[in-house]
Amino acid sequence: YIYEGKTIRIYNQWEEGLKPTTMNEVRLSNIEKKERYRIVWINTLKEGELFFVVGANVGVYTIYATVVKDVSVVAFEPEHVNYCMLQRNIYLNKAVNAVAYCTAMSDKVGHGYLVTRLGVDYQHEHCQS
C-alpha cells in the first residue's frame, strides 16, 4: 500500500513466501477509514519526533509512523507471536527508526499474566529476526 508516495507492507510470519495475509491487507486498506483519528493524530507528528506505541500488535501504526512520517518509534507488544510479526515488519520495511520490546506497559511495577485466546500463561516461543 502506498501512502504519501511511500510503500508500506505488513506481513504475517506464518505465510509462505512472506505474503501479506488477508487480515493484514484489510488492516492496511482500512487504515484511513476504520481508525482515521489515529492516522490524523500520527500525521501531526513532525519528522524526528518520538512516538510510543503501546499494544503495537503487528505494527500497522508503527510502520506507518516510521516509514511514512519519518518519526522515531518505540513499540511495545506483550504477545509473543504479534511481537515476532512486529519485528519482522520493522525489518522488512527497513524501519530503522523503530525499536520494539516484547513487554506490557502498566501504571504499576510488577509481574502479571497476559490472557490470550489460547489461555493464561501458555508456553512462549522465541521468534527469529
Protein backbone atom coordinates (compact mmCIF):
# COMPACT_ATOMS: atom_id res chain seq x y z
CA TYR A 1 0.00 0.00 0.00
CA ILE A 2 1.25 3.46 -0.87
CA TYR A 3 0.77 6.44 1.45
CA GLU A 4 2.17 9.85 0.60
CA GLY A 5 4.33 8.21 -2.07
CA LYS A 6 5.87 5.67 0.34
CA THR A 7 5.14 1.95 0.29
CA ILE A 8 4.40 0.07 3.49
CA ARG A 9 3.92 -3.66 3.83
CA ILE A 10 2.56 -5.65 6.76
CA TYR A 11 3.45 -9.32 6.71
CA ASN A 12 2.50 -12.38 8.71
CA GLN A 13 5.49 -14.59 9.55
CA TRP A 14 3.46 -17.75 9.11
CA GLU A 15 2.68 -17.13 5.44
CA GLU A 16 4.86 -18.99 2.96
CA GLY A 17 6.97 -16.58 0.96
CA LEU A 18 6.14 -13.70 3.34
CA LYS A 19 2.95 -12.77 1.53
CA PRO A 20 0.54 -10.31 3.17
CA THR A 21 -2.32 -12.12 4.86
CA THR A 22 -5.95 -11.28 4.22
CA MET A 23 -6.25 -9.83 7.73
CA ASN A 24 -3.23 -7.60 7.23
CA GLU A 25 -4.43 -6.50 3.78
CA VAL A 26 -7.71 -5.47 5.41
CA ARG A 27 -5.84 -3.61 8.16
CA LEU A 28 -3.86 -1.62 5.61
CA SER A 29 -6.76 -0.93 3.27
CA ASN A 30 -8.85 0.36 6.19
CA ILE A 31 -6.09 2.34 7.89
CA GLU A 32 -7.62 5.68 6.89
CA LYS A 33 -11.25 4.58 7.30
CA LYS A 34 -11.64 2.35 10.35
CA GLU A 35 -9.42 4.31 12.73
CA ARG A 36 -8.91 7.56 10.90
CA TYR A 37 -8.45 9.53 14.12
CA ARG A 38 -5.18 7.65 14.78
CA ILE A 39 -3.78 8.47 11.35
CA VAL A 40 -4.90 12.09 11.68
CA TRP A 41 -3.08 12.26 15.02
CA ILE A 42 0.06 10.50 13.72
CA ASN A 43 0.09 12.92 10.79
CA THR A 44 0.51 15.81 13.26
CA LEU A 45 3.86 14.40 14.37
CA LYS A 46 6.95 16.06 12.93
CA GLU A 47 9.92 14.30 11.37
CA GLY A 48 12.28 13.05 14.07
CA GLU A 49 9.75 13.22 16.92
CA LEU A 50 9.40 10.24 19.26
CA PHE A 51 6.20 8.17 19.19
CA PHE A 52 5.43 5.43 21.75
CA VAL A 53 3.06 2.69 20.56
CA VAL A 54 1.64 0.69 23.47
CA GLY A 55 -0.03 -2.50 22.26
CA ALA A 56 1.62 -2.34 18.84
CA ASN A 57 0.19 -5.65 17.61
CA VAL A 58 1.90 -6.49 14.25
CA GLY A 59 2.96 -2.90 13.64
CA VAL A 60 0.49 -1.15 11.34
CA TYR A 61 0.83 2.22 13.11
CA THR A 62 4.49 1.64 13.96
CA ILE A 63 5.33 1.12 10.29
CA TYR A 64 3.12 3.97 9.11
CA ALA A 65 4.70 6.42 11.57
CA THR A 66 8.30 5.50 10.90
CA VAL A 67 8.15 4.89 7.14
CA VAL A 68 5.59 7.47 6.01
CA LYS A 69 6.11 10.22 8.61
CA ASP A 70 9.81 9.55 9.42
CA VAL A 71 9.04 9.53 13.13
CA SER A 72 11.13 7.59 15.67
CA VAL A 73 9.01 4.85 17.23
CA VAL A 74 9.31 2.78 20.40
CA ALA A 75 6.75 -0.02 20.20
CA PHE A 76 5.58 -2.33 22.99
CA GLU A 77 3.78 -5.59 22.27
CA PRO A 78 3.47 -8.21 25.04
CA GLU A 79 2.03 -11.08 22.99
CA HIS A 80 4.98 -13.01 21.59
CA VAL A 81 3.51 -14.05 18.22
CA ASN A 82 2.43 -10.48 17.42
CA TYR A 83 5.83 -9.27 18.66
CA CYS A 84 7.58 -11.61 16.23
CA MET A 85 5.48 -10.28 13.36
CA LEU A 86 6.12 -6.71 14.55
CA GLN A 87 9.89 -7.34 14.49
CA ARG A 88 9.63 -8.91 11.03
CA ASN A 89 7.61 -5.96 9.73
CA ILE A 90 10.12 -3.47 11.11
CA TYR A 91 12.90 -5.38 9.34
CA LEU A 92 11.08 -5.89 6.04
CA ASN A 93 10.05 -2.22 5.83
CA LYS A 94 13.59 -1.09 6.70
CA ALA A 95 12.07 0.94 9.52
CA VAL A 96 15.42 1.93 11.01
CA ASN A 97 13.82 4.50 13.32
CA ALA A 98 11.71 1.86 15.08
CA VAL A 99 12.55 -0.37 18.02
CA ALA A 100 10.21 -2.92 19.61
CA TYR A 101 10.04 -4.57 23.02
CA CYS A 102 8.14 -7.72 23.96
CA THR A 103 6.71 -6.35 27.18
CA ALA A 104 3.49 -4.97 28.59
CA MET A 105 3.04 -1.46 29.96
CA SER A 106 1.28 -0.53 33.18
CA ASP A 107 0.98 2.21 35.76
CA LYS A 108 2.32 -0.29 38.34
CA VAL A 109 5.63 -2.10 38.73
CA GLY A 110 5.35 -5.85 38.93
CA HIS A 111 4.56 -9.05 37.10
CA GLY A 112 1.29 -10.22 35.66
CA TYR A 113 -0.32 -12.62 33.25
CA LEU A 114 -1.22 -11.99 29.66
CA VAL A 115 -4.57 -13.56 28.87
CA THR A 116 -4.98 -14.50 25.21
CA ARG A 117 -7.39 -16.59 23.20
CA LEU A 118 -5.08 -19.53 23.98
CA GLY A 119 -5.44 -19.07 27.72
CA VAL A 120 -3.28 -17.76 30.52
CA ASP A 121 0.48 -18.19 30.65
CA TYR A 122 0.82 -20.54 27.67
CA GLN A 123 4.25 -21.65 26.53
CA HIS A 124 6.24 -18.83 24.95
CA GLU A 125 8.33 -19.40 21.88
CA HIS A 126 11.05 -17.01 20.79
CA CYS A 127 11.00 -15.51 17.32
CA GLN A 128 13.94 -15.33 15.00
CA SER A 129 14.63 -11.98 13.37
